[in-house]
């Protein structure tokens, strides 16, 4: 549930579900309760749309703390059998998440 690919992917899942795909679920992994409060209005609108259409919402924390995004990423990997990654080779959270998944023997699919 971060701006960019996360929200795009959530929107795609909502569209699949609306087209009759009831064999998939949308689980929104949110770093902390007020994640989108300071985002521009267009991003907040999309965030709320996805949250309201999600089958489940998991909040890693009630409040922000310095490693909350890392904790969210770990939760996603720990609760997945496979990781789909949009990755351009830039160091950061996506790279960390991929490496964490690989360290646990999870399959990583690059899209």
N, C-alpha and C. Protein backbone atom coordinates (compact mmCIF):
# COMPACT_ATOMS: atom_id res chain seq x y z
N UNK A 1 0.82 -1.19 0.00
CA UNK A 1 0.00 0.00 0.00
C UNK A 1 0.87 1.26 0.00
N UNK A 2 1.85 1.25 -0.88
CA UNK A 2 2.68 2.44 -1.09
C UNK A 2 2.31 3.06 -2.43
N UNK A 3 2.62 4.36 -2.57
CA UNK A 3 2.36 5.03 -3.84
C UNK A 3 3.17 4.33 -4.93
N UNK A 4 2.57 4.20 -6.09
CA UNK A 4 3.28 3.60 -7.22
C UNK A 4 2.79 2.20 -7.51
N UNK A 5 3.71 1.27 -7.65
CA UNK A 5 3.39 -0.09 -8.07
C UNK A 5 2.42 -0.78 -7.12
N UNK A 6 2.56 -0.55 -5.83
CA UNK A 6 1.65 -1.21 -4.87
C UNK A 6 0.19 -0.84 -5.16
N UNK A 7 -0.06 0.45 -5.33
CA UNK A 7 -1.44 0.87 -5.58
C UNK A 7 -1.90 0.44 -6.97
N UNK A 8 -1.02 0.47 -7.94
CA UNK A 8 -1.36 -0.03 -9.28
C UNK A 8 -1.77 -1.50 -9.20
N UNK A 9 -0.99 -2.30 -8.49
CA UNK A 9 -1.30 -3.73 -8.37
C UNK A 9 -2.62 -3.94 -7.64
N UNK A 10 -2.87 -3.16 -6.59
CA UNK A 10 -4.14 -3.27 -5.88
C UNK A 10 -5.31 -2.94 -6.78
N UNK A 11 -5.14 -1.91 -7.60
CA UNK A 11 -6.19 -1.52 -8.53
C UNK A 11 -6.45 -2.63 -9.56
N UNK A 12 -5.39 -3.27 -10.02
CA UNK A 12 -5.53 -4.37 -10.99
C UNK A 12 -6.29 -5.55 -10.36
N UNK A 13 -5.99 -5.86 -9.11
CA UNK A 13 -6.70 -6.95 -8.43
C UNK A 13 -8.18 -6.61 -8.28
N UNK A 14 -8.48 -5.36 -7.92
CA UNK A 14 -9.88 -4.95 -7.80
C UNK A 14 -10.61 -5.10 -9.13
N UNK A 15 -9.94 -4.77 -10.24
CA UNK A 15 -10.56 -4.93 -11.56
C UNK A 15 -10.80 -6.40 -11.88
N UNK A 16 -9.85 -7.25 -11.55
CA UNK A 16 -10.04 -8.69 -11.78
C UNK A 16 -11.23 -9.21 -10.97
N UNK A 17 -11.31 -8.79 -9.71
CA UNK A 17 -12.41 -9.22 -8.86
C UNK A 17 -13.75 -8.73 -9.42
N UNK A 18 -13.78 -7.50 -9.92
CA UNK A 18 -15.01 -6.93 -10.49
C UNK A 18 -15.44 -7.66 -11.75
N UNK A 19 -14.48 -8.27 -12.45
CA UNK A 19 -14.81 -9.00 -13.67
C UNK A 19 -15.26 -10.43 -13.39
N UNK A 20 -15.38 -10.78 -12.11
CA UNK A 20 -15.89 -12.10 -11.77
C UNK A 20 -14.87 -13.06 -11.21
N UNK A 21 -13.63 -12.63 -11.08
CA UNK A 21 -12.60 -13.51 -10.52
C UNK A 21 -12.76 -13.58 -9.01
N UNK A 22 -13.48 -14.59 -8.54
CA UNK A 22 -13.66 -14.73 -7.10
C UNK A 22 -12.65 -15.71 -6.48
N UNK A 23 -11.68 -16.13 -7.29
CA UNK A 23 -10.67 -17.06 -6.81
C UNK A 23 -9.42 -16.34 -6.30
N UNK A 24 -9.42 -15.01 -6.30
CA UNK A 24 -8.29 -14.26 -5.79
C UNK A 24 -8.76 -13.33 -4.68
N UNK A 25 -7.81 -12.98 -3.81
CA UNK A 25 -8.11 -12.08 -2.70
C UNK A 25 -7.13 -10.93 -2.73
N UNK A 26 -7.60 -9.79 -2.27
CA UNK A 26 -6.75 -8.62 -2.13
C UNK A 26 -6.51 -8.40 -0.64
N UNK A 27 -5.26 -8.56 -0.24
CA UNK A 27 -4.87 -8.32 1.13
C UNK A 27 -3.96 -7.09 1.12
N UNK A 28 -4.40 -6.04 1.75
CA UNK A 28 -3.65 -4.79 1.78
C UNK A 28 -2.73 -4.80 3.00
N UNK A 29 -1.43 -4.72 2.74
CA UNK A 29 -0.43 -4.66 3.81
C UNK A 29 -0.03 -3.20 3.99
N UNK A 30 -0.50 -2.60 5.08
CA UNK A 30 -0.31 -1.17 5.33
C UNK A 30 0.73 -1.00 6.44
N UNK A 31 1.73 -0.15 6.21
CA UNK A 31 2.77 0.02 7.23
C UNK A 31 2.23 0.50 8.57
N UNK A 32 1.41 1.55 8.56
CA UNK A 32 0.84 2.07 9.81
C UNK A 32 -0.48 2.76 9.50
N UNK A 33 -1.30 2.93 10.51
CA UNK A 33 -2.68 3.38 10.34
C UNK A 33 -2.85 4.64 9.49
N UNK A 34 -2.04 5.65 9.68
CA UNK A 34 -2.21 6.92 8.98
C UNK A 34 -1.26 7.08 7.79
N UNK A 35 -0.91 6.00 7.17
CA UNK A 35 0.07 6.01 6.08
C UNK A 35 -0.23 7.08 5.03
N UNK A 36 -1.45 7.19 4.58
CA UNK A 36 -1.78 8.06 3.44
C UNK A 36 -2.23 9.47 3.83
N UNK A 37 -2.22 9.79 5.10
CA UNK A 37 -2.78 11.08 5.55
C UNK A 37 -2.13 12.30 4.89
N UNK A 38 -0.86 12.24 4.59
CA UNK A 38 -0.16 13.41 4.02
C UNK A 38 0.08 13.29 2.52
N UNK A 39 -0.50 12.30 1.90
CA UNK A 39 -0.34 12.13 0.46
C UNK A 39 -1.22 13.14 -0.28
N UNK A 40 -0.86 13.45 -1.53
CA UNK A 40 -1.74 14.27 -2.36
C UNK A 40 -3.11 13.61 -2.51
N UNK A 41 -4.14 14.40 -2.74
CA UNK A 41 -5.51 13.89 -2.73
C UNK A 41 -5.76 12.76 -3.73
N UNK A 42 -5.16 12.81 -4.90
CA UNK A 42 -5.38 11.74 -5.89
C UNK A 42 -4.86 10.40 -5.37
N UNK A 43 -3.71 10.41 -4.70
CA UNK A 43 -3.16 9.17 -4.13
C UNK A 43 -4.03 8.69 -2.96
N UNK A 44 -4.51 9.63 -2.12
CA UNK A 44 -5.38 9.24 -1.00
C UNK A 44 -6.66 8.61 -1.51
N UNK A 45 -7.22 9.16 -2.59
CA UNK A 45 -8.44 8.60 -3.17
C UNK A 45 -8.21 7.16 -3.60
N UNK A 46 -7.12 6.89 -4.31
CA UNK A 46 -6.82 5.55 -4.78
C UNK A 46 -6.56 4.60 -3.60
N UNK A 47 -5.83 5.09 -2.60
CA UNK A 47 -5.56 4.32 -1.39
C UNK A 47 -6.87 3.87 -0.74
N UNK A 48 -7.78 4.83 -0.54
CA UNK A 48 -9.06 4.52 0.11
C UNK A 48 -9.90 3.55 -0.73
N UNK A 49 -9.86 3.72 -2.04
CA UNK A 49 -10.59 2.81 -2.93
C UNK A 49 -10.09 1.37 -2.76
N UNK A 50 -8.80 1.21 -2.70
CA UNK A 50 -8.23 -0.13 -2.56
C UNK A 50 -8.51 -0.69 -1.17
N UNK A 51 -8.34 0.11 -0.15
CA UNK A 51 -8.63 -0.34 1.23
C UNK A 51 -10.09 -0.79 1.33
N UNK A 52 -11.00 -0.02 0.76
CA UNK A 52 -12.42 -0.35 0.87
C UNK A 52 -12.78 -1.61 0.09
N UNK A 53 -12.01 -1.94 -0.95
CA UNK A 53 -12.29 -3.13 -1.73
C UNK A 53 -11.49 -4.35 -1.32
N UNK A 54 -10.60 -4.17 -0.36
CA UNK A 54 -9.73 -5.29 0.06
C UNK A 54 -10.52 -6.33 0.85
N UNK A 55 -10.12 -7.57 0.69
CA UNK A 55 -10.71 -8.65 1.47
C UNK A 55 -10.20 -8.64 2.91
N UNK A 56 -8.99 -8.13 3.06
CA UNK A 56 -8.36 -8.07 4.39
C UNK A 56 -7.39 -6.90 4.39
N UNK A 57 -7.29 -6.21 5.51
CA UNK A 57 -6.32 -5.14 5.67
C UNK A 57 -5.46 -5.47 6.88
N UNK A 58 -4.16 -5.51 6.66
CA UNK A 58 -3.21 -5.77 7.75
C UNK A 58 -2.40 -4.51 8.02
N UNK A 59 -2.52 -3.96 9.22
CA UNK A 59 -1.72 -2.82 9.64
C UNK A 59 -0.55 -3.33 10.45
N UNK A 60 0.67 -3.02 10.00
CA UNK A 60 1.87 -3.46 10.72
C UNK A 60 1.98 -2.77 12.06
N UNK A 61 1.56 -1.52 12.12
CA UNK A 61 1.68 -0.74 13.35
C UNK A 61 0.57 0.30 13.44
N UNK A 62 0.28 0.73 14.63
CA UNK A 62 -0.66 1.83 14.83
C UNK A 62 -0.03 3.15 14.41
N UNK A 63 1.28 3.30 14.66
CA UNK A 63 1.97 4.56 14.41
C UNK A 63 3.26 4.32 13.63
N UNK A 64 3.75 5.40 13.03
CA UNK A 64 5.02 5.35 12.30
C UNK A 64 6.18 5.14 13.26
N UNK A 65 7.14 4.34 12.85
CA UNK A 65 8.44 4.24 13.51
C UNK A 65 9.47 3.94 12.43
N UNK A 66 10.74 4.07 12.73
CA UNK A 66 11.76 4.08 11.69
C UNK A 66 11.83 2.82 10.84
N UNK A 67 11.47 1.66 11.35
CA UNK A 67 11.56 0.43 10.57
C UNK A 67 10.20 -0.15 10.19
N UNK A 68 9.17 0.68 10.20
CA UNK A 68 7.82 0.18 9.96
C UNK A 68 7.66 -0.36 8.53
N UNK A 69 8.32 0.24 7.56
CA UNK A 69 8.21 -0.26 6.18
C UNK A 69 8.92 -1.60 6.04
N UNK A 70 10.06 -1.73 6.70
CA UNK A 70 10.78 -3.01 6.69
C UNK A 70 9.94 -4.10 7.36
N UNK A 71 9.29 -3.76 8.46
CA UNK A 71 8.42 -4.73 9.14
C UNK A 71 7.25 -5.13 8.25
N UNK A 72 6.68 -4.16 7.53
CA UNK A 72 5.58 -4.47 6.59
C UNK A 72 6.08 -5.41 5.49
N UNK A 73 7.25 -5.10 4.94
CA UNK A 73 7.82 -5.94 3.88
C UNK A 73 8.06 -7.36 4.37
N UNK A 74 8.58 -7.49 5.57
CA UNK A 74 8.80 -8.83 6.14
C UNK A 74 7.48 -9.57 6.32
N UNK A 75 6.46 -8.87 6.79
CA UNK A 75 5.15 -9.50 6.96
C UNK A 75 4.63 -10.03 5.63
N UNK A 76 4.77 -9.20 4.58
CA UNK A 76 4.29 -9.63 3.26
C UNK A 76 5.02 -10.89 2.79
N UNK A 77 6.33 -10.90 2.93
CA UNK A 77 7.11 -12.07 2.50
C UNK A 77 6.77 -13.28 3.35
N UNK A 78 6.70 -13.10 4.65
CA UNK A 78 6.41 -14.22 5.56
C UNK A 78 5.05 -14.83 5.29
N UNK A 79 4.14 -14.07 4.74
CA UNK A 79 2.78 -14.55 4.49
C UNK A 79 2.51 -14.81 3.02
N UNK A 80 3.57 -15.02 2.26
CA UNK A 80 3.44 -15.28 0.82
C UNK A 80 4.20 -16.54 0.43
N UNK A 81 3.74 -17.18 -0.61
CA UNK A 81 4.47 -18.33 -1.14
C UNK A 81 5.36 -17.90 -2.31
N UNK A 82 5.08 -16.72 -2.85
CA UNK A 82 5.81 -16.21 -4.02
C UNK A 82 5.79 -14.70 -3.95
N UNK A 83 6.87 -14.08 -4.45
CA UNK A 83 6.96 -12.63 -4.48
C UNK A 83 7.02 -12.17 -5.92
N UNK A 84 6.11 -11.28 -6.30
CA UNK A 84 6.15 -10.64 -7.60
C UNK A 84 6.82 -9.29 -7.40
N UNK A 85 7.88 -9.03 -8.17
CA UNK A 85 8.66 -7.82 -7.95
C UNK A 85 8.79 -6.99 -9.22
N UNK A 86 8.50 -5.71 -9.09
CA UNK A 86 8.81 -4.74 -10.14
C UNK A 86 10.07 -4.05 -9.65
N UNK A 87 11.19 -4.39 -10.24
CA UNK A 87 12.48 -3.93 -9.72
C UNK A 87 13.39 -3.50 -10.85
N UNK A 88 13.95 -2.29 -10.71
CA UNK A 88 14.82 -1.72 -11.74
C UNK A 88 16.29 -1.68 -11.31
N UNK A 89 16.63 -2.38 -10.22
CA UNK A 89 18.02 -2.41 -9.79
C UNK A 89 18.42 -1.27 -8.87
N UNK A 90 17.47 -0.49 -8.42
CA UNK A 90 17.76 0.64 -7.54
C UNK A 90 17.77 0.16 -6.09
N UNK A 91 18.84 0.44 -5.35
CA UNK A 91 18.89 0.02 -3.94
C UNK A 91 17.74 0.64 -3.14
N UNK A 92 17.23 -0.12 -2.19
CA UNK A 92 16.15 0.39 -1.35
C UNK A 92 15.25 -0.72 -0.86
N UNK A 93 14.00 -0.35 -0.57
CA UNK A 93 13.06 -1.29 0.03
C UNK A 93 12.72 -2.49 -0.84
N UNK A 94 12.58 -2.28 -2.14
CA UNK A 94 12.26 -3.40 -3.02
C UNK A 94 13.42 -4.38 -3.05
N UNK A 95 14.63 -3.87 -3.15
CA UNK A 95 15.82 -4.73 -3.15
C UNK A 95 15.90 -5.52 -1.84
N UNK A 96 15.67 -4.83 -0.72
CA UNK A 96 15.69 -5.51 0.58
C UNK A 96 14.65 -6.64 0.61
N UNK A 97 13.45 -6.34 0.15
CA UNK A 97 12.37 -7.32 0.19
C UNK A 97 12.69 -8.54 -0.68
N UNK A 98 13.24 -8.31 -1.85
CA UNK A 98 13.64 -9.42 -2.73
C UNK A 98 14.69 -10.27 -2.03
N UNK A 99 15.72 -9.65 -1.48
CA UNK A 99 16.78 -10.40 -0.80
C UNK A 99 16.25 -11.15 0.41
N UNK A 100 15.34 -10.54 1.13
CA UNK A 100 14.74 -11.21 2.29
C UNK A 100 13.96 -12.44 1.83
N UNK A 101 13.19 -12.29 0.77
CA UNK A 101 12.42 -13.42 0.24
C UNK A 101 13.35 -14.54 -0.21
N UNK A 102 14.40 -14.20 -0.93
CA UNK A 102 15.35 -15.22 -1.40
C UNK A 102 16.04 -15.91 -0.23
N UNK A 103 16.33 -15.16 0.83
CA UNK A 103 16.99 -15.77 2.00
C UNK A 103 16.09 -16.80 2.68
N UNK A 104 14.78 -16.67 2.48
CA UNK A 104 13.83 -17.64 3.04
C UNK A 104 13.47 -18.74 2.05
N UNK A 105 14.09 -18.70 0.87
CA UNK A 105 13.80 -19.71 -0.14
C UNK A 105 12.51 -19.48 -0.90
N UNK A 106 12.00 -18.27 -0.85
CA UNK A 106 10.76 -17.95 -1.57
C UNK A 106 11.06 -17.72 -3.06
N UNK A 107 10.13 -18.08 -3.90
CA UNK A 107 10.26 -17.81 -5.32
C UNK A 107 10.03 -16.31 -5.56
N UNK A 108 10.89 -15.69 -6.35
CA UNK A 108 10.74 -14.29 -6.73
C UNK A 108 10.55 -14.23 -8.23
N UNK A 109 9.45 -13.64 -8.66
CA UNK A 109 9.13 -13.49 -10.08
C UNK A 109 9.23 -12.01 -10.40
N UNK A 110 10.08 -11.66 -11.38
CA UNK A 110 10.27 -10.27 -11.77
C UNK A 110 9.29 -9.93 -12.89
N UNK A 111 8.53 -8.86 -12.70
CA UNK A 111 7.58 -8.45 -13.74
C UNK A 111 7.86 -7.01 -14.15
